[in-house]
Protein backbone atom coordinates (compact mmCIF):
# COMPACT_ATOMS: atom_id res chain seq x y z
CA MET A 1 55.42 13.45 -92.17
CA ILE A 2 51.98 14.87 -91.54
CA PHE A 3 50.60 16.81 -88.62
CA GLY A 4 47.10 18.11 -87.96
CA ILE A 5 46.12 21.65 -87.20
CA SER A 6 42.48 21.00 -86.37
CA ASN A 7 39.80 18.54 -87.36
CA ARG A 8 39.55 20.32 -90.71
CA ILE A 9 43.13 21.10 -91.78
CA LEU A 10 46.24 19.01 -92.32
CA VAL A 11 49.75 20.21 -93.01
CA ALA A 12 52.36 17.91 -94.52
CA VAL A 13 56.07 18.70 -94.45
CA VAL A 14 57.71 16.85 -97.33
CA GLY A 15 61.42 17.55 -97.29
CA PHE A 16 61.62 21.30 -96.81
CA ALA A 17 58.40 22.15 -98.64
CA PRO A 18 55.19 22.46 -96.58
CA VAL A 19 52.09 21.22 -98.32
CA VAL A 20 48.60 22.12 -97.06
CA LEU A 21 46.08 19.29 -97.14
CA PHE A 22 42.45 19.43 -96.13
CA TYR A 23 40.64 16.87 -94.07
CA SER A 24 37.11 17.13 -92.80
CA SER A 25 34.42 14.80 -91.56
CA GLY A 26 32.11 16.72 -93.88
CA SER A 27 32.92 18.74 -96.98
CA ALA A 28 36.38 20.22 -97.42
CA PRO A 29 36.70 23.96 -96.92
CA SER A 30 37.44 26.10 -99.91
CA SER A 31 40.28 27.94 -98.18
CA VAL A 32 42.47 27.76 -95.10
CA GLN A 33 40.58 29.11 -92.10
CA SER A 34 42.54 31.16 -89.62
CA VAL A 35 42.58 30.15 -85.97
CA ASP A 36 42.42 32.72 -83.19
CA SER A 37 46.04 32.96 -82.04
CA SER A 38 45.04 34.54 -78.73
CA VAL A 39 43.90 31.18 -77.34
CA TYR A 40 47.38 29.67 -77.75
CA VAL A 41 50.18 30.18 -75.25
CA GLY A 42 53.14 28.44 -76.92
CA SER A 43 55.23 25.46 -75.90
CA GLN A 44 57.55 27.50 -73.70
CA ALA A 45 54.75 28.02 -71.22
CA CYS A 46 54.18 24.28 -71.06
CA VAL A 47 57.83 23.62 -70.25
CA GLU A 48 57.55 25.55 -66.98
CA CYS A 49 55.45 22.75 -65.46
CA HIS A 50 55.99 19.80 -67.81
CA LYS A 51 59.77 19.67 -68.16
CA SER A 52 60.05 15.88 -68.47
CA GLU A 53 57.28 15.60 -71.04
CA SER A 54 58.75 18.45 -73.08
CA ALA A 55 62.24 16.93 -73.03
CA GLN A 56 60.94 13.57 -74.28
CA PHE A 57 58.61 15.14 -76.84
CA HIS A 58 61.47 17.02 -78.52
CA LYS A 59 63.30 13.74 -79.11
CA THR A 60 60.48 12.38 -81.27
CA VAL A 61 59.49 12.97 -84.89
CA HIS A 62 56.43 14.88 -83.71
CA ALA A 63 58.65 17.78 -82.70
CA THR A 64 60.01 18.24 -86.24
CA ALA A 65 56.79 19.70 -87.66
CA LYS A 66 56.99 23.30 -88.87
CA TRP A 67 54.14 25.51 -87.69
CA ASP A 68 53.01 29.09 -87.90
CA GLU A 69 52.71 29.52 -84.12
CA LYS A 70 50.62 32.68 -84.31
CA LYS A 71 48.11 31.01 -86.56
CA TYR A 72 47.96 27.37 -85.58
CA GLY A 73 49.70 26.88 -82.25
CA SER A 74 52.76 24.67 -82.00
CA GLY A 75 54.29 21.69 -80.28
CA CYS A 76 52.18 20.61 -77.32
CA GLU A 77 49.11 22.55 -78.43
CA SER A 78 49.00 20.84 -81.82
CA CYS A 79 47.75 17.72 -79.98
CA HIS A 80 46.40 19.06 -76.68
CA GLY A 81 44.62 22.06 -78.19
CA PRO A 82 44.79 25.72 -77.12
CA GLY A 83 46.46 26.04 -73.73
CA LYS A 84 46.19 29.68 -72.73
CA ALA A 85 43.11 29.21 -70.55
CA HIS A 86 44.72 26.21 -68.86
CA ALA A 87 48.02 27.99 -68.23
CA ASP A 88 46.33 31.09 -66.83
CA ALA A 89 44.10 29.01 -64.56
CA MET A 90 47.08 27.04 -63.23
CA LYS A 91 48.88 30.26 -62.31
CA VAL A 92 45.83 31.46 -60.40
CA ALA A 93 45.32 28.09 -58.65
CA ARG A 94 48.56 28.27 -56.60
CA GLY A 95 48.14 25.02 -54.69
CA ASP A 96 44.35 25.06 -54.45
CA ASP A 97 43.32 21.50 -55.34
CA GLU A 98 39.85 22.43 -56.53
CA LYS A 99 41.16 25.15 -58.81
CA ILE A 100 43.89 22.83 -60.13
CA GLN A 101 41.31 20.19 -61.02
CA ALA A 102 39.23 22.83 -62.76
CA ALA A 103 42.31 24.07 -64.67
CA VAL A 104 43.14 20.54 -65.84
CA LYS A 105 39.76 20.35 -67.56
CA LEU A 106 40.55 23.43 -69.64
CA ILE A 107 42.92 21.50 -71.92
CA PHE A 108 42.62 18.19 -73.71
CA SER A 109 44.71 15.79 -71.61
CA PHE A 110 43.79 12.51 -73.35
CA ARG A 111 41.69 11.34 -70.42
CA SER A 112 38.48 11.17 -72.41
CA SER A 113 36.93 8.17 -74.16
CA ALA A 114 39.10 5.93 -76.30
CA ALA A 115 37.31 7.06 -79.46
CA GLU A 116 37.85 10.75 -78.71
CA ASN A 117 41.47 10.24 -77.71
CA SER A 118 42.22 8.31 -80.88
CA SER A 119 40.44 10.87 -83.05
CA ARG A 120 43.09 13.41 -82.08
CA CYS A 121 45.82 11.16 -83.44
CA LEU A 122 43.84 10.20 -86.52
CA THR A 123 43.57 13.85 -87.50
CA CYS A 124 47.07 13.40 -88.91
CA HIS A 125 47.59 9.66 -89.17
CA VAL A 126 44.42 9.02 -91.16
CA THR A 127 46.41 9.35 -94.38
CA ASN A 128 48.66 6.39 -93.46
CA HIS A 129 47.58 3.07 -94.94
CA GLU A 130 48.49 1.29 -91.69
CA GLN A 131 45.94 3.27 -89.66
CA ALA A 132 43.26 3.63 -92.34
CA LEU A 133 40.94 1.01 -90.79
CA PHE A 134 41.51 1.76 -87.12
CA ASN A 135 37.96 3.02 -86.58
CA ARG A 136 36.60 -0.41 -87.49
CA SER A 137 39.28 -2.43 -85.73
CA GLU A 138 38.69 -4.74 -82.78
CA HIS A 139 41.01 -2.61 -80.66
CA GLN A 140 38.88 0.47 -81.22
CA LEU A 141 35.67 -1.48 -80.52
CA HIS A 142 37.15 -2.75 -77.24
CA GLY A 143 38.12 0.70 -76.03
CA VAL A 144 41.83 0.59 -76.86
CA ALA A 145 43.11 4.06 -77.74
CA CYS A 146 46.34 5.07 -79.43
CA GLN A 147 48.02 6.10 -76.17
CA THR A 148 47.31 2.65 -74.71
CA CYS A 149 50.15 1.29 -76.83
CA HIS A 150 52.02 4.43 -77.95
CA ALA A 151 53.59 7.15 -75.81
CA PRO A 152 54.22 10.53 -77.50
CA HIS A 153 56.44 11.47 -74.56
CA LEU A 154 57.56 8.45 -72.54
CA VAL A 155 58.73 10.17 -69.36
CA GLU A 156 59.60 6.86 -67.74
CA ALA A 157 61.80 5.79 -70.67
CA GLY A 158 65.00 6.78 -68.93
CA ARG A 159 64.14 4.94 -65.75
CA ALA A 160 65.07 1.34 -65.05
CA GLU A 161 62.37 -1.01 -66.24
CA LYS A 162 61.04 -3.67 -63.91
CA ALA A 163 62.70 -7.02 -64.34
CA GLN A 164 60.57 -9.33 -66.47
CA PRO A 165 60.45 -13.09 -65.84
CA VAL A 166 62.72 -14.91 -68.25
CA ARG A 167 60.92 -17.53 -70.32
CA ALA A 168 62.61 -20.86 -70.88
CA GLN A 169 62.56 -20.41 -74.65
CA ALA A 170 64.58 -17.21 -74.36
CA GLN A 171 67.50 -19.23 -73.00
CA PHE A 172 68.02 -20.81 -76.42
CA PHE A 173 67.41 -17.82 -78.70
CA SER A 174 67.58 -14.16 -77.81
CA VAL A 175 68.26 -10.75 -79.29
CA PRO A 176 70.31 -8.00 -77.63
CA ASP A 177 68.39 -5.73 -75.27
CA ARG A 178 68.55 -2.01 -76.02
CA PRO A 179 68.06 0.91 -73.67
CA ALA A 180 64.37 1.65 -73.13
CA GLU A 181 64.53 5.14 -74.59
CA GLN A 182 66.38 4.07 -77.73
CA ARG A 183 63.96 1.21 -78.27
CA TRP A 184 61.00 3.57 -77.77
CA LEU A 185 62.27 6.11 -80.31
CA ASP A 186 63.14 3.50 -82.93
CA ASN A 187 59.99 1.40 -82.59
CA LYS A 188 57.04 3.69 -83.33
CA LEU A 189 56.96 5.15 -79.81
CA LEU A 190 55.61 1.92 -78.34
CA ARG A 191 55.39 1.91 -74.55
CA LYS A 192 56.89 -1.58 -74.35
CA PRO A 193 58.61 -3.85 -76.86
CA GLU A 194 56.69 -6.53 -78.67
CA PRO A 195 55.44 -9.04 -77.64
CA ASN A 196 55.37 -7.79 -74.02
CA LEU A 197 53.08 -4.95 -75.05
CA CYS A 198 50.58 -7.32 -76.68
CA PHE A 199 50.78 -9.80 -73.82
CA MET A 200 49.44 -7.15 -71.43
CA CYS A 201 45.97 -7.95 -72.81
CA HIS A 202 46.39 -11.19 -74.76
CA LYS A 203 47.20 -13.52 -71.87
CA VAL A 204 45.86 -16.64 -73.57
CA VAL A 205 48.17 -16.08 -76.52
CA GLU A 206 51.07 -15.55 -74.12
CA GLY A 207 50.37 -18.98 -72.65
CA GLN A 208 50.29 -20.54 -76.12
CA PHE A 209 53.69 -19.11 -76.94
CA ALA A 210 55.07 -20.85 -73.83
CA LEU A 211 54.19 -24.27 -75.29
CA PRO A 212 57.04 -26.44 -76.66
CA ASN A 213 56.38 -25.78 -80.37
CA HIS A 214 55.69 -22.18 -81.30
CA HIS A 215 56.77 -19.39 -83.60
CA LYS A 216 59.86 -17.63 -82.27
CA VAL A 217 58.03 -14.59 -80.97
CA PRO A 218 59.08 -14.70 -77.29
CA GLU A 219 62.69 -15.09 -78.42
CA GLY A 220 62.52 -11.87 -80.42
CA LEU A 221 63.00 -13.44 -83.85
CA MET A 222 59.44 -12.53 -84.89
CA LYS A 223 56.89 -9.90 -83.85
CA CYS A 224 53.14 -9.98 -83.50
CA THR A 225 52.88 -7.26 -86.12
CA ASP A 226 54.63 -9.46 -88.69
CA CYS A 227 51.28 -11.25 -89.07
CA HIS A 228 48.77 -8.84 -87.53
CA ASN A 229 48.05 -5.17 -88.07
CA ALA A 230 47.10 -3.80 -84.68
CA HIS A 231 45.35 -0.81 -86.30
CA GLY A 232 42.83 -3.01 -88.07
CA THR A 233 42.30 -4.87 -91.33
CA ARG A 234 39.37 -6.36 -93.21
CA ASN A 235 40.47 -9.85 -92.13
CA GLN A 236 40.05 -11.78 -88.91
CA PRO A 237 41.78 -11.60 -86.53
CA MET A 238 43.30 -8.43 -87.99
CA LEU A 239 45.70 -10.40 -90.20
CA ARG A 240 47.77 -8.42 -92.66
CA LYS A 241 46.80 -10.79 -95.46
CA THR A 242 43.76 -12.90 -96.17
CA ASN A 243 43.57 -16.33 -94.55
CA TRP A 244 46.43 -18.64 -95.56
CA GLU A 245 48.20 -15.84 -97.46
CA ALA A 246 49.46 -14.56 -94.11
CA CYS A 247 51.29 -17.85 -93.55
CA VAL A 248 52.79 -18.36 -97.00
CA VAL A 249 54.59 -15.02 -96.77
CA CYS A 250 57.21 -17.02 -94.87
CA HIS A 251 56.26 -20.60 -95.77
CA THR A 252 56.65 -20.01 -99.49
CA GLU A 253 57.06 -23.71 -100.30
CA LYS A 254 53.41 -24.21 -99.31
CA ARG A 255 52.07 -21.43 -101.53
CA GLY A 256 51.41 -23.29 -104.74
CA PRO A 257 49.40 -22.96 -106.90
CA TYR A 258 48.80 -26.68 -107.20
CA VAL A 259 46.84 -28.65 -109.77
CA PHE A 260 45.19 -30.54 -106.92
CA GLU A 261 44.68 -28.37 -103.86
CA HIS A 262 43.74 -29.38 -100.35
CA ALA A 263 40.30 -27.81 -100.05
CA SER A 264 40.50 -27.11 -96.32
CA VAL A 265 43.54 -24.87 -96.84
CA LYS A 266 41.68 -22.68 -99.30
CA ILE A 267 38.47 -22.54 -97.26
CA GLU A 268 39.49 -22.41 -93.60
CA GLY A 269 43.20 -21.77 -93.99
CA CYS A 270 46.22 -23.23 -92.26
CA VAL A 271 44.53 -23.01 -88.86
CA THR A 272 42.46 -26.05 -89.86
CA CYS A 273 45.43 -28.17 -88.86
CA HIS A 274 47.90 -25.80 -87.18
CA SER A 275 47.82 -23.43 -84.22
CA PRO A 276 50.04 -20.49 -85.22
CA HIS A 277 50.81 -19.40 -81.64
CA GLY A 278 51.94 -22.77 -80.36
CA THR A 279 50.99 -26.33 -79.36
CA VAL A 280 52.48 -29.33 -77.59
CA SER A 281 52.59 -31.25 -80.90
CA ARG A 282 55.21 -31.15 -83.61
CA MET A 283 54.73 -28.75 -86.50
CA MET A 284 52.28 -26.88 -84.25
CA LEU A 285 49.57 -29.39 -85.17
CA LEU A 286 46.27 -29.30 -83.32
CA ARG A 287 46.46 -33.04 -82.58
CA ARG A 288 49.37 -35.11 -81.29
CA GLU A 289 48.66 -37.98 -83.70
CA ASP A 290 48.42 -37.06 -87.36
CA ARG A 291 45.68 -39.52 -88.26
CA PHE A 292 43.32 -38.10 -85.63
CA LEU A 293 43.83 -34.69 -87.15
CA CYS A 294 42.89 -35.98 -90.59
CA LEU A 295 39.90 -37.90 -89.25
CA GLN A 296 38.34 -34.68 -88.03
CA CYS A 297 37.25 -34.12 -91.64
CA HIS A 298 37.69 -37.56 -93.23
CA VAL A 299 35.48 -39.24 -90.69
CA ASN A 300 33.15 -41.50 -92.68
CA PRO A 301 34.83 -44.68 -94.03
CA ASN A 302 32.15 -45.00 -96.71
CA ALA A 303 32.36 -41.41 -97.91
CA ASP A 304 34.00 -40.38 -101.16
CA ASN A 305 36.79 -38.56 -99.36
CA VAL A 306 37.73 -41.69 -97.34
CA PRO A 307 38.06 -44.53 -99.89
CA HIS A 308 39.92 -46.93 -97.62
CA GLY A 309 36.85 -48.72 -96.21
CA ARG A 310 35.45 -49.26 -99.71
CA LEU A 311 38.70 -50.33 -101.32
CA SER A 312 39.95 -52.58 -98.49
CA PHE A 313 42.84 -50.34 -97.45
CA GLN A 314 43.83 -50.28 -93.80
CA THR A 315 43.00 -47.02 -92.06
CA ARG A 316 45.66 -47.29 -89.39
CA GLY A 317 48.97 -45.47 -89.13
CA ASP A 318 49.95 -41.97 -90.17
CA CYS A 319 48.09 -40.69 -93.21
CA ILE A 320 51.09 -38.77 -94.48
CA ARG A 321 53.06 -41.97 -95.00
CA CYS A 322 51.15 -42.24 -98.27
CA HIS A 323 49.61 -38.80 -98.66
CA ALA A 324 52.97 -37.05 -98.46
CA ALA A 325 51.98 -33.96 -100.47
CA ILE A 326 49.28 -33.03 -98.01
CA HIS A 327 49.38 -29.28 -98.74
CA GLY A 328 48.78 -29.82 -102.46
CA SER A 329 49.98 -31.87 -105.40
CA ASN A 330 50.59 -31.37 -109.10
CA PHE A 331 50.31 -35.09 -109.88
CA SER A 332 47.77 -36.86 -107.66
CA PRO A 333 44.26 -35.83 -106.57
CA PHE A 334 44.89 -37.93 -103.44
CA PHE A 335 48.13 -36.08 -102.60
CA LEU A 336 50.15 -39.28 -102.92
CA ASN A 337 53.24 -37.39 -104.10
């Protein structure tokens, strides 16, 4: 695991051996630069006021980092920055609201802009492939910071969570519920379980998952992050794999390669015909009747891709009665088998 010392130095603890890594927005320094230890106060001083946060923090993997406290600070100050000025100001404040507000500003409390808040986390997590593209992700561009979804010390974890409305689909399939704190510690310190966390913003998608035919996400058999990388990818909309490759991870029988491929699958992907979040139609098709779905592209009876009008075939009924291998065929260019 890797933890940051400042915006220029990284320390990795691999097993029992600490390894010093360098990270800088500019050029890397030639040697480790010492930090003034007098500006740090130590985690014990933080515990005096922040008992709940400290208790939860020491349950997480963040608390396992090994630090030279005199040189780099430790625990709370590794993320919040030097805390001596803040601690001293709080002692002097003694109930004075104006002085308390001034003291709060003397330490980084993650109440700044989303970009600045996330930059603190990315000091360490920049080396992880999962977070490598966060700075160009849609979440970052829309002002979503790391602490919007993650909680380094979830003080409300031990409290009873508000009862969530039970969706009809969850009556047929469900997974056991775990205590909030255990779920938080085991699931990347997420504030809420998936998909409830994602549904806080993605209300349209939540409605799609309530439709009769959908992937089993509300039931807990799948997660949003099975298909999407919330920290950003080079694909839209932040899919883990390019286009239809994200679907054939599970639907392997549709992968191919085929001698005769359905062009729309390779160009626009599976979403040409299917809605991955859910529809009212079978197979999550965009249209209730199959032929109307096909006629969105094969619209001209005299065109080369619709030979029926030219060859006296009837164009009524379901297309897949004849074109059964609609995803691709190794025998017929017309997907007849």
